[in-house]
Amino acid sequence: MSELSRQLLIENGRSVRVLNPPPGYALPDGAGPADVVVLFAADRAQLEKDAPAALGSLKPGGALWLAYPSPASGRQSDLSRRHGAGAFGRAGLTDTTAVSIDRDWDALRFQPLAEVPSSAIPAADMLPVGRHATFVFRAVRFVAKPLFHLIFRFDVSGRENMPDRATVIVCNHLGWMDAMSLLLVFPAEPRIHLLADPTSMMKNRPLWALVRAAGGIVPVDRAQRGGPLLFRHVGRCLSLGGAVALFPEGDFGPREGVLLPFKKGFAHFAVEAGVPVIPVGLAGMKDLWMGKRLSMRIGAPIETKGKTVDEVHRLGEQAVNELLPPYAEPPGPKPLRRWLTGLF
């Protein structure tokens, strides 16, 4: 049995296909679909490119593994245990098992959502929406705000552009701290409702219980790519004076200062509801450590009256790109970097 088979608990006699194997992990490549497929991907671009081959090489009911650079290796990658594997998520798969192959590579096993009932994405209207913040949210925010200001240094400009009415907030996506920063920096009301795939949150039971109690999330099923229920619920939120926030890139950007192409959902929401779009540029949130400076630039509202969805989409993406704060990796010690970056 090979070292890879031992680490991934692959039983003797099962056929294995390894795509992009690093030195020491190549296996003889048999003909036809395999019982187990292992895809090594250094970054999201390689995953997106090779995911169709991996899915096409797998027998029905087989085991699919994604191997990605371990944080311990010191290599920079936009793949991690919780983010970046959208290519498999769009295929209706969810990660169920995490292992460490060696110092350089970690791996995730993916299975169909139908085989993992606890991972089923809740309906978009799971939680109520509206302008007013819940008591639980206010209490959590009251505790979290001073705590996060002790851990990080926030550099915010454009506070005068914060909305006092229904609005759609769009910003670039670097890591888990993006959403937290919006909730801490923007006022408690109008209540921000985050449109997000809750898969990673659902795997952290205490966090998911807190999210459900505090409210302010509209679950998004990436495999369905939106739907009538999602649009109705977002429309209801905006009609009641609430705010919705989303990351139109759809996943974490590859690195600081670089935007992935924006999806059009935010523009549809804003145009149909007749509400403005607030663009936000973030920097410093890709890697986190104690005392790090996190930058947020809040842009002027983009009014949607008289504009088409395509126009609002273009203006929103352009505005966020122009708002991105300059970023340079600072020298010196970076305490708790690995722990804080991978916290959620």
Protein backbone atom coordinates (compact mmCIF):
# COMPACT_ATOMS: atom_id res chain seq x y z
CA MET A 1 0.00 0.00 0.00
CA SER A 2 1.32 3.42 -0.93
CA GLU A 3 1.81 6.25 1.59
CA LEU A 4 -1.01 8.18 -0.05
CA SER A 5 -3.38 5.22 0.31
CA ARG A 6 -2.48 4.92 3.99
CA GLN A 7 -3.09 8.59 4.71
CA LEU A 8 -6.44 8.60 2.89
CA LEU A 9 -7.49 5.21 4.32
CA ILE A 10 -7.94 3.69 0.86
CA GLU A 11 -8.69 -0.01 1.06
CA ASN A 12 -6.62 -2.58 -0.81
CA GLY A 13 -8.03 -3.53 -4.17
CA ARG A 14 -9.69 -0.18 -4.90
CA SER A 15 -8.60 1.56 -8.10
CA VAL A 16 -6.99 4.97 -7.54
CA ARG A 17 -6.34 7.82 -9.95
CA VAL A 18 -4.09 10.72 -8.93
CA LEU A 19 -4.16 13.96 -10.88
CA ASN A 20 -1.19 16.37 -10.75
CA PRO A 21 0.75 14.19 -8.31
CA PRO A 22 3.78 15.81 -6.63
CA PRO A 23 7.01 13.81 -6.41
CA GLY A 24 6.49 10.58 -4.48
CA TYR A 25 2.73 10.35 -4.98
CA ALA A 26 2.41 9.18 -8.59
CA LEU A 27 0.53 5.89 -9.05
CA PRO A 28 0.05 3.71 -12.13
CA ASP A 29 -2.89 5.15 -14.08
CA GLY A 30 -5.39 2.46 -15.04
CA ALA A 31 -8.03 2.68 -17.73
CA GLY A 32 -11.59 3.82 -17.09
CA PRO A 33 -13.19 5.45 -14.05
CA ALA A 34 -11.60 4.87 -10.64
CA ASP A 35 -12.97 4.05 -7.17
CA VAL A 36 -10.90 6.86 -5.69
CA VAL A 37 -9.75 10.08 -7.36
CA VAL A 38 -7.22 12.39 -5.73
CA LEU A 39 -6.74 15.83 -7.28
CA PHE A 40 -3.66 17.79 -6.20
CA ALA A 41 -4.21 21.52 -6.77
CA ALA A 42 -1.80 24.28 -5.81
CA ASP A 43 -4.43 26.99 -6.12
CA ARG A 44 -8.01 27.66 -7.14
CA ALA A 45 -7.13 28.25 -10.79
CA GLN A 46 -5.68 24.75 -11.04
CA LEU A 47 -8.70 23.29 -9.24
CA GLU A 48 -11.13 25.03 -11.59
CA LYS A 49 -9.15 23.77 -14.59
CA ASP A 50 -8.88 20.14 -13.47
CA ALA A 51 -12.13 19.63 -11.53
CA PRO A 52 -14.03 18.38 -14.63
CA ALA A 53 -11.35 15.73 -15.24
CA ALA A 54 -11.48 14.65 -11.58
CA LEU A 55 -15.27 14.40 -11.58
CA GLY A 56 -15.27 12.59 -14.91
CA SER A 57 -12.71 10.04 -13.67
CA LEU A 58 -14.76 8.96 -10.65
CA LYS A 59 -16.99 5.90 -10.53
CA PRO A 60 -20.54 6.41 -9.18
CA GLY A 61 -20.30 6.22 -5.40
CA GLY A 62 -16.52 6.65 -5.47
CA ALA A 63 -14.38 8.74 -3.14
CA LEU A 64 -13.17 12.16 -4.31
CA TRP A 65 -10.26 13.88 -2.55
CA LEU A 66 -8.85 17.37 -3.03
CA ALA A 67 -5.23 17.83 -1.88
CA TYR A 68 -4.16 21.45 -1.36
CA PRO A 69 -1.10 23.19 0.14
CA SER A 70 -0.93 22.88 3.91
CA PRO A 71 -0.56 26.14 5.87
CA ALA A 72 2.45 24.49 7.54
CA SER A 73 4.24 24.38 4.18
CA GLY A 74 4.54 28.17 4.11
CA ARG A 75 3.20 28.33 0.54
CA GLN A 76 0.60 30.95 -0.30
CA SER A 77 -2.61 29.52 -1.74
CA ASP A 78 -6.21 30.62 -2.17
CA LEU A 79 -7.35 27.11 -1.27
CA SER A 80 -8.00 26.21 2.35
CA ARG A 81 -9.97 23.78 4.46
CA ARG A 82 -13.05 25.99 4.35
CA HIS A 83 -12.78 28.00 1.15
CA GLY A 84 -11.87 27.88 -2.49
CA ALA A 85 -13.40 24.56 -3.55
CA GLY A 86 -16.37 26.14 -5.30
CA ALA A 87 -15.88 23.91 -8.34
CA PHE A 88 -16.95 20.89 -6.29
CA GLY A 89 -19.63 22.82 -4.42
CA ARG A 90 -21.26 23.75 -7.73
CA ALA A 91 -21.31 20.05 -8.56
CA GLY A 92 -23.45 19.39 -5.49
CA LEU A 93 -20.63 18.08 -3.28
CA THR A 94 -19.58 19.00 0.25
CA ASP A 95 -16.41 18.23 2.18
CA THR A 96 -16.82 15.70 4.99
CA THR A 97 -13.35 14.56 6.06
CA ALA A 98 -10.09 16.47 6.49
CA VAL A 99 -6.67 14.82 6.79
CA SER A 100 -3.03 15.82 6.64
CA ILE A 101 -1.10 13.92 3.97
CA ASP A 102 2.30 15.32 4.94
CA ARG A 103 3.87 18.64 5.90
CA ASP A 104 3.21 20.08 2.43
CA TRP A 105 -0.28 18.80 1.64
CA ASP A 106 -3.65 18.58 3.38
CA ALA A 107 -6.68 16.89 1.87
CA LEU A 108 -10.48 17.04 1.94
CA ARG A 109 -12.89 14.29 0.98
CA PHE A 110 -16.01 15.37 -0.90
CA GLN A 111 -19.37 13.60 -1.00
CA PRO A 112 -22.75 14.39 -2.57
CA LEU A 113 -24.93 16.60 -0.39
CA ALA A 114 -27.70 14.02 -0.60
CA GLU A 115 -25.47 11.56 1.28
CA VAL A 116 -24.81 14.07 4.08
CA PRO A 117 -28.24 15.23 5.27
CA SER A 118 -26.81 17.50 7.99
CA SER A 119 -25.04 19.50 5.27
CA ALA A 120 -28.20 20.38 3.34
CA ILE A 121 -28.36 24.15 2.76
CA PRO A 122 -31.31 25.68 4.64
CA ALA A 123 -33.98 27.57 2.73
CA ALA A 124 -33.21 31.21 1.92
CA ASP A 125 -36.10 32.35 4.14
CA MET A 126 -34.91 30.37 7.16
CA LEU A 127 -34.65 33.53 9.27
CA PRO A 128 -36.80 36.68 9.41
CA VAL A 129 -35.55 39.89 7.82
CA GLY A 130 -36.17 43.58 8.40
CA ARG A 131 -34.71 46.91 9.40
CA HIS A 132 -34.36 46.30 13.13
CA ALA A 133 -31.57 44.38 14.86
CA THR A 134 -32.45 41.58 17.26
CA PHE A 135 -31.57 41.74 20.94
CA VAL A 136 -29.16 38.81 20.51
CA PHE A 137 -27.34 40.57 17.67
CA ARG A 138 -27.02 43.78 19.69
CA ALA A 139 -25.68 41.84 22.68
CA VAL A 140 -23.14 39.92 20.60
CA ARG A 141 -22.05 43.11 18.83
CA PHE A 142 -21.70 44.92 22.18
CA VAL A 143 -19.22 42.26 23.33
CA ALA A 144 -17.48 41.67 20.00
CA LYS A 145 -16.78 45.28 19.05
CA PRO A 146 -14.29 46.10 21.84
CA LEU A 147 -12.80 42.61 21.62
CA PHE A 148 -11.98 42.90 17.92
CA HIS A 149 -10.64 46.43 18.40
CA LEU A 150 -8.20 44.95 20.91
CA ILE A 151 -7.04 42.32 18.42
CA PHE A 152 -6.91 44.43 15.25
CA ARG A 153 -6.48 48.08 14.23
CA PHE A 154 -9.28 49.31 11.99
CA ASP A 155 -8.64 52.04 9.44
CA VAL A 156 -12.01 53.18 8.07
CA SER A 157 -12.84 56.03 5.68
CA GLY A 158 -16.11 57.05 4.06
CA ARG A 159 -18.29 56.66 7.13
CA GLU A 160 -20.45 59.49 5.80
CA ASN A 161 -21.58 57.10 3.06
CA MET A 162 -23.04 54.56 5.48
CA PRO A 163 -26.71 54.10 4.67
CA ASP A 164 -29.72 55.00 6.78
CA ARG A 165 -32.10 53.25 4.41
CA ALA A 166 -32.50 50.03 2.49
CA THR A 167 -29.39 49.34 0.43
CA VAL A 168 -27.26 46.64 -1.18
CA ILE A 169 -23.67 46.58 0.10
CA VAL A 170 -21.01 44.97 -2.10
CA CYS A 171 -17.32 44.46 -1.38
CA ASN A 172 -14.34 42.35 -2.27
CA HIS A 173 -13.83 39.08 -0.43
CA LEU A 174 -10.54 38.16 1.24
CA GLY A 175 -11.41 36.05 4.29
CA TRP A 176 -13.77 35.47 7.19
CA MET A 177 -12.99 38.89 8.70
CA ASP A 178 -14.68 40.68 5.78
CA ALA A 179 -18.20 39.93 6.98
CA MET A 180 -17.27 40.52 10.61
CA SER A 181 -15.82 43.94 9.74
CA LEU A 182 -19.03 45.00 8.00
CA LEU A 183 -21.10 44.00 11.02
CA LEU A 184 -18.77 45.81 13.44
CA VAL A 185 -18.15 49.00 11.45
CA PHE A 186 -21.57 49.66 9.95
CA PRO A 187 -24.36 50.73 12.33
CA ALA A 188 -26.57 48.08 13.91
CA GLU A 189 -29.52 49.50 11.95
CA PRO A 190 -30.53 49.24 9.23
CA ARG A 191 -29.70 45.63 10.00
CA ILE A 192 -27.23 44.07 7.57
CA HIS A 193 -28.27 40.67 6.23
CA LEU A 194 -25.37 38.71 4.75
CA LEU A 195 -26.01 36.57 1.69
CA ALA A 196 -23.69 33.62 2.17
CA ASP A 197 -23.18 29.92 1.66
CA PRO A 198 -23.51 28.67 5.26
CA THR A 199 -21.78 25.31 4.71
CA SER A 200 -18.63 26.10 6.70
CA MET A 201 -20.63 27.78 9.50
CA MET A 202 -22.91 24.77 9.81
CA LYS A 203 -19.92 22.55 10.57
CA ASN A 204 -19.14 24.69 13.63
CA ARG A 205 -22.16 23.92 15.80
CA PRO A 206 -21.67 26.69 18.41
CA LEU A 207 -21.15 29.27 15.65
CA TRP A 208 -24.18 28.07 13.70
CA ALA A 209 -26.35 28.19 16.83
CA LEU A 210 -25.20 31.77 17.45
CA VAL A 211 -25.88 32.77 13.84
CA ARG A 212 -29.39 31.35 13.99
CA ALA A 213 -30.09 33.16 17.26
CA ALA A 214 -28.65 36.50 16.12
CA GLY A 215 -30.16 36.38 12.63
CA GLY A 216 -28.91 38.49 9.76
CA ILE A 217 -28.03 35.75 7.28
CA VAL A 218 -29.77 34.70 4.06
CA PRO A 219 -28.52 31.21 3.11
CA VAL A 220 -27.39 30.81 -0.49
CA ASP A 221 -27.17 27.41 -2.16
CA ARG A 222 -24.37 27.70 -4.70
CA ALA A 223 -25.46 24.55 -6.51
CA GLN A 224 -28.82 26.18 -7.30
CA ARG A 225 -27.27 29.58 -8.12
CA GLY A 226 -30.11 31.49 -6.55
CA GLY A 227 -33.82 30.99 -7.16
CA PRO A 228 -37.22 32.60 -6.79
CA LEU A 229 -37.29 32.11 -3.01
CA LEU A 230 -33.93 33.86 -2.58
CA PHE A 231 -35.02 36.82 -4.71
CA ARG A 232 -38.35 37.11 -2.90
CA HIS A 233 -36.70 37.04 0.53
CA VAL A 234 -34.07 39.62 -0.41
CA GLY A 235 -36.79 41.79 -1.91
CA ARG A 236 -38.78 41.52 1.30
CA CYS A 237 -35.74 42.52 3.35
CA LEU A 238 -35.16 45.63 1.24
CA SER A 239 -38.85 46.56 1.21
CA LEU A 240 -38.85 46.51 5.02
CA GLY A 241 -35.88 48.89 5.17
CA GLY A 242 -33.15 46.35 5.83
CA ALA A 243 -29.75 46.17 4.14
CA VAL A 244 -28.23 43.19 2.36
CA ALA A 245 -24.51 42.62 1.95
CA LEU A 246 -22.84 40.22 -0.40
CA PHE A 247 -19.50 39.39 -1.97
CA PRO A 248 -20.12 39.32 -5.74
CA GLU A 249 -16.85 37.49 -6.44
CA GLY A 250 -18.54 34.38 -5.07
CA ASP A 251 -15.47 33.22 -3.13
CA PHE A 252 -12.25 34.52 -1.63
CA GLY A 253 -10.16 36.54 -4.04
CA PRO A 254 -6.77 35.03 -4.93
CA ARG A 255 -4.74 37.74 -3.18
CA GLU A 256 -4.84 41.27 -1.79
CA GLY A 257 -5.77 43.93 -4.33
CA VAL A 258 -7.08 41.51 -6.98
CA LEU A 259 -10.78 41.14 -7.80
CA LEU A 260 -12.44 38.13 -9.36
CA PRO A 261 -15.18 39.01 -11.87
CA PHE A 262 -18.40 40.10 -10.14
CA LYS A 263 -21.57 38.08 -10.54
CA LYS A 264 -24.73 40.05 -11.37
CA GLY A 265 -26.97 39.04 -8.46
CA PHE A 266 -26.37 42.22 -6.47
CA ALA A 267 -27.37 44.37 -9.44
CA HIS A 268 -30.62 42.44 -9.93
CA PHE A 269 -31.49 42.87 -6.23
CA ALA A 270 -30.78 46.61 -6.24
CA VAL A 271 -32.48 47.45 -9.54
CA GLU A 272 -35.61 45.43 -8.79
CA ALA A 273 -35.97 47.03 -5.34
CA GLY A 274 -34.96 50.51 -6.52
CA VAL A 275 -32.34 50.89 -3.79
CA PRO A 276 -28.74 52.17 -4.01
CA VAL A 277 -25.59 50.09 -4.02
CA ILE A 278 -22.87 50.93 -1.48
CA PRO A 279 -19.41 49.80 -2.71
CA VAL A 280 -16.78 48.86 -0.13
CA GLY A 281 -13.08 48.13 -0.62
CA LEU A 282 -11.21 46.00 1.92
CA ALA A 283 -7.52 45.30 2.49
CA GLY A 284 -5.44 43.40 5.03
CA MET A 285 -7.94 40.62 5.68
CA LYS A 286 -6.36 37.82 3.65
CA ASP A 287 -3.90 36.88 6.40
CA LEU A 288 -4.61 37.91 9.98
CA TRP A 289 -2.48 38.36 13.10
CA MET A 290 -2.58 40.21 16.38
CA GLY A 291 -2.31 43.96 15.95
CA LYS A 292 -2.72 43.95 12.17
CA ARG A 293 -4.16 47.03 10.46
CA LEU A 294 -7.37 46.27 8.53
CA SER A 295 -8.52 48.86 6.00
CA MET A 296 -12.05 49.63 4.82
CA ARG A 297 -13.01 52.26 2.25
CA ILE A 298 -16.75 52.98 1.93
CA GLY A 299 -17.73 54.56 -1.36
CA ALA A 300 -20.54 56.90 -2.36
CA PRO A 301 -23.93 55.31 -3.09
CA ILE A 302 -24.61 54.21 -6.65
CA GLU A 303 -28.21 55.17 -7.37
CA THR A 304 -30.06 52.60 -9.47
CA LYS A 305 -33.08 54.58 -10.64
CA GLY A 306 -33.13 54.64 -14.44
CA LYS A 307 -30.19 52.23 -14.73
CA THR A 308 -30.13 48.71 -16.16
CA VAL A 309 -28.83 45.64 -14.36
CA ASP A 310 -25.78 45.60 -16.65
CA GLU A 311 -25.01 49.25 -15.88
CA VAL A 312 -25.27 48.73 -12.11
CA HIS A 313 -23.16 45.58 -12.35
CA ARG A 314 -20.43 47.44 -14.23
CA LEU A 315 -20.53 50.49 -11.95
CA GLY A 316 -20.47 48.37 -8.79
CA GLU A 317 -17.47 46.30 -9.87
CA GLN A 318 -15.63 49.41 -11.06
CA ALA A 319 -16.31 51.27 -7.80
CA VAL A 320 -15.09 48.44 -5.58
CA ASN A 321 -11.96 48.04 -7.69
CA GLU A 322 -11.19 51.76 -7.36
CA LEU A 323 -11.80 51.67 -3.60
CA LEU A 324 -9.36 48.84 -2.87
CA PRO A 325 -6.85 50.25 -0.35
CA PRO A 326 -3.18 49.83 -1.22
CA TYR A 327 -1.60 46.91 0.60
CA ALA A 328 1.97 45.86 1.32
CA GLU A 329 2.91 42.97 3.57
CA PRO A 330 4.35 44.60 6.70
CA PRO A 331 7.64 43.35 8.16
CA GLY A 332 8.09 42.10 11.70
CA PRO A 333 6.51 39.39 13.84
CA LYS A 334 2.99 38.18 13.06
CA PRO A 335 1.64 36.65 16.29
CA LEU A 336 -1.10 34.02 15.98
CA ARG A 337 -1.11 34.35 12.19
CA ARG A 338 -2.01 30.77 11.34
CA TRP A 339 -4.65 30.47 14.06
CA LEU A 340 -6.42 33.76 13.36
CA THR A 341 -6.36 33.33 9.58
CA GLY A 342 -7.96 29.88 9.78
CA LEU A 343 -10.29 30.59 12.68
CA PHE A 344 -13.48 30.38 10.58
